[in-house]
C-alpha atoms as a PDB file:
ATOM      1  CA  MET A   1     125.779-204.131  24.013  1.00  0.00           C
ATOM      2  CA  ARG A   2     126.543-202.490  27.371  1.00  0.00           C
ATOM      3  CA  SER A   3     130.309-202.952  26.884  1.00  0.00           C
ATOM      4  CA  SER A   4     130.065-201.398  23.417  1.00  0.00           C
ATOM      5  CA  ILE A   5     128.320-198.335  24.849  1.00  0.00           C
ATOM      6  CA  ASP A   6     130.953-198.092  27.600  1.00  0.00           C
ATOM      7  CA  GLU A   7     133.707-198.176  24.965  1.00  0.00           C
ATOM      8  CA  VAL A   8     132.065-195.351  23.019  1.00  0.00           C
ATOM      9  CA  ILE A   9     131.679-193.290  26.202  1.00  0.00           C
ATOM     10  CA  ALA A  10     135.336-193.867  27.093  1.00  0.00           C
ATOM     11  CA  LEU A  11     136.397-192.835  23.572  1.00  0.00           C
ATOM     12  CA  LEU A  12     134.324-189.655  23.756  1.00  0.00           C
ATOM     13  CA  LYS A  13     135.790-188.781  27.168  1.00  0.00           C
ATOM     14  CA  ARG A  14     139.339-189.231  25.810  1.00  0.00           C
ATOM     15  CA  GLN A  15     138.562-187.058  22.800  1.00  0.00           C
ATOM     16  CA  SER A  16     136.992-184.418  25.048  1.00  0.00           C
ATOM     17  CA  ARG A  17     140.098-184.276  27.276  1.00  0.00           C
ATOM     18  CA  LYS A  18     142.325-184.034  24.193  1.00  0.00           C
ATOM     19  CA  LEU A  19     140.276-181.171  22.733  1.00  0.00           C
ATOM     20  CA  GLU A  20     140.222-179.335  26.059  1.00  0.00           C
ATOM     21  CA  GLY A  21     144.020-179.586  26.162  1.00  0.00           C
ATOM     22  CA  GLU A  22     144.332-178.263  22.611  1.00  0.00           C
ATOM     23  CA  ILE A  23     141.991-175.356  23.360  1.00  0.00           C
ATOM     24  CA  ALA A  24     143.913-174.513  26.544  1.00  0.00           C
ATOM     25  CA  SER A  25     147.212-174.503  24.634  1.00  0.00           C
ATOM     26  CA  MET A  26     145.710-172.231  21.951  1.00  0.00           C
ATOM     27  CA  ILE A  27     144.645-169.777  24.666  1.00  0.00           C
ATOM     28  CA  ASP A  28     148.073-169.940  26.310  1.00  0.00           C
ATOM     29  CA  ASP A  29     149.828-169.328  22.964  1.00  0.00           C
ATOM     30  CA  ASP A  30     148.036-166.000  22.402  1.00  0.00           C
ATOM     31  CA  LEU A  31     149.427-163.267  24.668  1.00  0.00           C
ATOM     32  CA  LEU A  32     146.183-161.280  24.947  1.00  0.00           C
ATOM     33  CA  TRP A  33     144.005-164.324  25.538  1.00  0.00           C
ATOM     34  CA  ALA A  34     146.484-165.747  28.060  1.00  0.00           C
ATOM     35  CA  LYS A  35     146.412-162.506  30.053  1.00  0.00           C
ATOM     36  CA  LEU A  36     142.611-162.383  29.911  1.00  0.00           C
ATOM     37  CA  ALA A  37     142.389-166.031  30.983  1.00  0.00           C
ATOM     38  CA  GLU A  38     144.701-165.323  33.917  1.00  0.00           C
ATOM     39  CA  THR A  39     142.551-162.367  34.951  1.00  0.00           C
ATOM     40  CA  TRP A  40     139.285-164.335  34.680  1.00  0.00           C
ATOM     41  CA  ARG A  41     140.639-167.279  36.642  1.00  0.00           C
ATOM     42  CA  GLU A  42     141.178-164.943  39.598  1.00  0.00           C
ATOM     43  CA  THR A  43     137.377-164.793  39.876  1.00  0.00           C
ATOM     44  CA  LYS A  44     135.785-167.480  42.026  1.00  0.00           C
ATOM     45  CA  GLY A  45     133.803-169.914  39.878  1.00  0.00           C
ATOM     46  CA  VAL A  46     135.743-169.327  36.643  1.00  0.00           C
ATOM     47  CA  ALA A  47     137.812-172.248  35.389  1.00  0.00           C
ATOM     48  CA  GLY A  48     139.247-173.434  32.096  1.00  0.00           C
ATOM     49  CA  ARG A  49     135.968-174.361  30.415  1.00  0.00           C
ATOM     50  CA  THR A  50     134.390-171.034  31.293  1.00  0.00           C
ATOM     51  CA  VAL A  51     137.394-169.146  29.930  1.00  0.00           C
ATOM     52  CA  ALA A  52     137.371-171.184  26.721  1.00  0.00           C
ATOM     53  CA  ARG A  53     133.641-170.603  26.257  1.00  0.00           C
ATOM     54  CA  LEU A  54     134.024-166.849  26.756  1.00  0.00           C
ATOM     55  CA  HIS A  55     136.890-166.722  24.256  1.00  0.00           C
ATOM     56  CA  ALA A  56     134.849-168.698  21.735  1.00  0.00           C
ATOM     57  CA  ASP A  57     131.675-166.668  22.142  1.00  0.00           C
ATOM     58  CA  VAL A  58     133.244-163.203  22.453  1.00  0.00           C
ATOM     59  CA  PRO A  59     136.640-163.119  20.729  1.00  0.00           C
ATOM     60  CA  GLU A  60     136.324-159.314  20.644  1.00  0.00           C
ATOM     61  CA  ILE A  61     137.039-159.047  24.396  1.00  0.00           C
ATOM     62  CA  GLY A  62     140.276-157.179  24.869  1.00  0.00           C
ATOM     63  CA  THR A  63     140.008-155.363  21.558  1.00  0.00           C
ATOM     64  CA  LEU A  64     136.784-153.371  22.092  1.00  0.00           C
ATOM     65  CA  SER A  65     135.776-150.998  24.874  1.00  0.00           C
ATOM     66  CA  ASN A  66     133.829-152.197  27.910  1.00  0.00           C
ATOM     67  CA  LYS A  67     130.735-150.369  26.675  1.00  0.00           C
ATOM     68  CA  ALA A  68     130.961-151.978  23.236  1.00  0.00           C
ATOM     69  CA  ILE A  69     131.341-155.457  24.765  1.00  0.00           C
ATOM     70  CA  ALA A  70     128.380-154.832  27.104  1.00  0.00           C
ATOM     71  CA  LYS A  71     126.234-153.884  24.116  1.00  0.00           C
ATOM     72  CA  LEU A  72     127.527-156.821  22.080  1.00  0.00           C
ATOM     73  CA  VAL A  73     126.537-159.406  24.690  1.00  0.00           C
ATOM     74  CA  GLY A  74     123.236-157.708  25.525  1.00  0.00           C
ATOM     75  CA  LEU A  75     124.086-156.265  28.941  1.00  0.00           C
ATOM     76  CA  ALA A  76     123.935-152.569  28.032  1.00  0.00           C
ATOM     77  CA  PRO A  77     120.632-150.778  28.527  1.00  0.00           C
ATOM     78  CA  LEU A  78     119.360-149.589  25.151  1.00  0.00           C
ATOM     79  CA  ALA A  79     117.333-146.411  24.758  1.00  0.00           C
ATOM     80  CA  ASN A  80     113.705-146.577  23.690  1.00  0.00           C
ATOM     81  CA  ASP A  81     113.288-142.876  22.853  1.00  0.00           C
ATOM     82  CA  SER A  82     111.356-141.249  20.047  1.00  0.00           C
ATOM     83  CA  GLY A  83     111.297-137.498  19.559  1.00  0.00           C
ATOM     84  CA  LYS A  84     110.532-135.878  22.894  1.00  0.00           C
ATOM     85  CA  ARG A  85     109.389-139.136  24.472  1.00  0.00           C
ATOM     86  CA  LYS A  86     111.858-140.741  26.840  1.00  0.00           C
ATOM     87  CA  GLY A  87     111.298-144.474  27.091  1.00  0.00           C
ATOM     88  CA  GLN A  88     112.746-146.899  29.579  1.00  0.00           C
ATOM     89  CA  ARG A  89     116.124-148.473  28.970  1.00  0.00           C
ATOM     90  CA  HIS A  90     116.075-152.250  28.699  1.00  0.00           C
ATOM     91  CA  THR A  91     118.748-154.829  28.062  1.00  0.00           C
ATOM     92  CA  ARG A  92     118.006-157.085  25.112  1.00  0.00           C
ATOM     93  CA  GLY A  93     119.553-158.946  22.227  1.00  0.00           C
ATOM     94  CA  GLY A  94     123.198-159.907  22.252  1.00  0.00           C
ATOM     95  CA  ARG A  95     124.729-163.265  22.902  1.00  0.00           C
ATOM     96  CA  ALA A  96     122.557-165.257  25.273  1.00  0.00           C
ATOM     97  CA  GLY A  97     125.199-167.885  26.015  1.00  0.00           C
ATOM     98  CA  VAL A  98     127.588-165.268  27.340  1.00  0.00           C
ATOM     99  CA  ARG A  99     124.883-163.685  29.485  1.00  0.00           C
ATOM    100  CA  SER A 100     124.127-167.106  30.982  1.00  0.00           C
ATOM    101  CA  ILE A 101     127.775-167.710  31.838  1.00  0.00           C
ATOM    102  CA  LEU A 102     128.171-164.270  33.389  1.00  0.00           C
ATOM    103  CA  PHE A 103     124.959-164.749  35.391  1.00  0.00           C
ATOM    104  CA  LEU A 104     126.221-168.045  36.806  1.00  0.00           C
ATOM    105  CA  VAL A 105     129.611-166.555  37.669  1.00  0.00           C
ATOM    106  CA  ALA A 106     127.938-163.558  39.343  1.00  0.00           C
ATOM    107  CA  ALA A 107     125.736-165.900  41.372  1.00  0.00           C
ATOM    108  CA  THR A 108     128.810-167.853  42.487  1.00  0.00           C
ATOM    109  CA  VAL A 109     130.725-164.711  43.448  1.00  0.00           C
ATOM    110  CA  ALA A 110     127.751-163.321  45.401  1.00  0.00           C
ATOM    111  CA  ARG A 111     127.777-166.288  47.801  1.00  0.00           C
END
């Protein structure tokens, strides 16, 4: 039974490496995504998997403004105003997976 499990694990690892290669070639084939990937990889802590995840979660990067992307991923402070009342601005909503990745990268860069 142990050898059977080891075979399945080996198969899954091979498939994972193959898919990672295919994803990397898809990124390299697109001029915009290749340039973005090159720019992100200059940041400490950002490697191929991080780049692929960002491309998958936020394909709009590179086509929308910085402010629009910040709002899309939930990093932009949103107004809580009503009439004459000025509420506090809080970040909320957006794509939690992207925020998690960016938080981890920021923590790595801060070291």
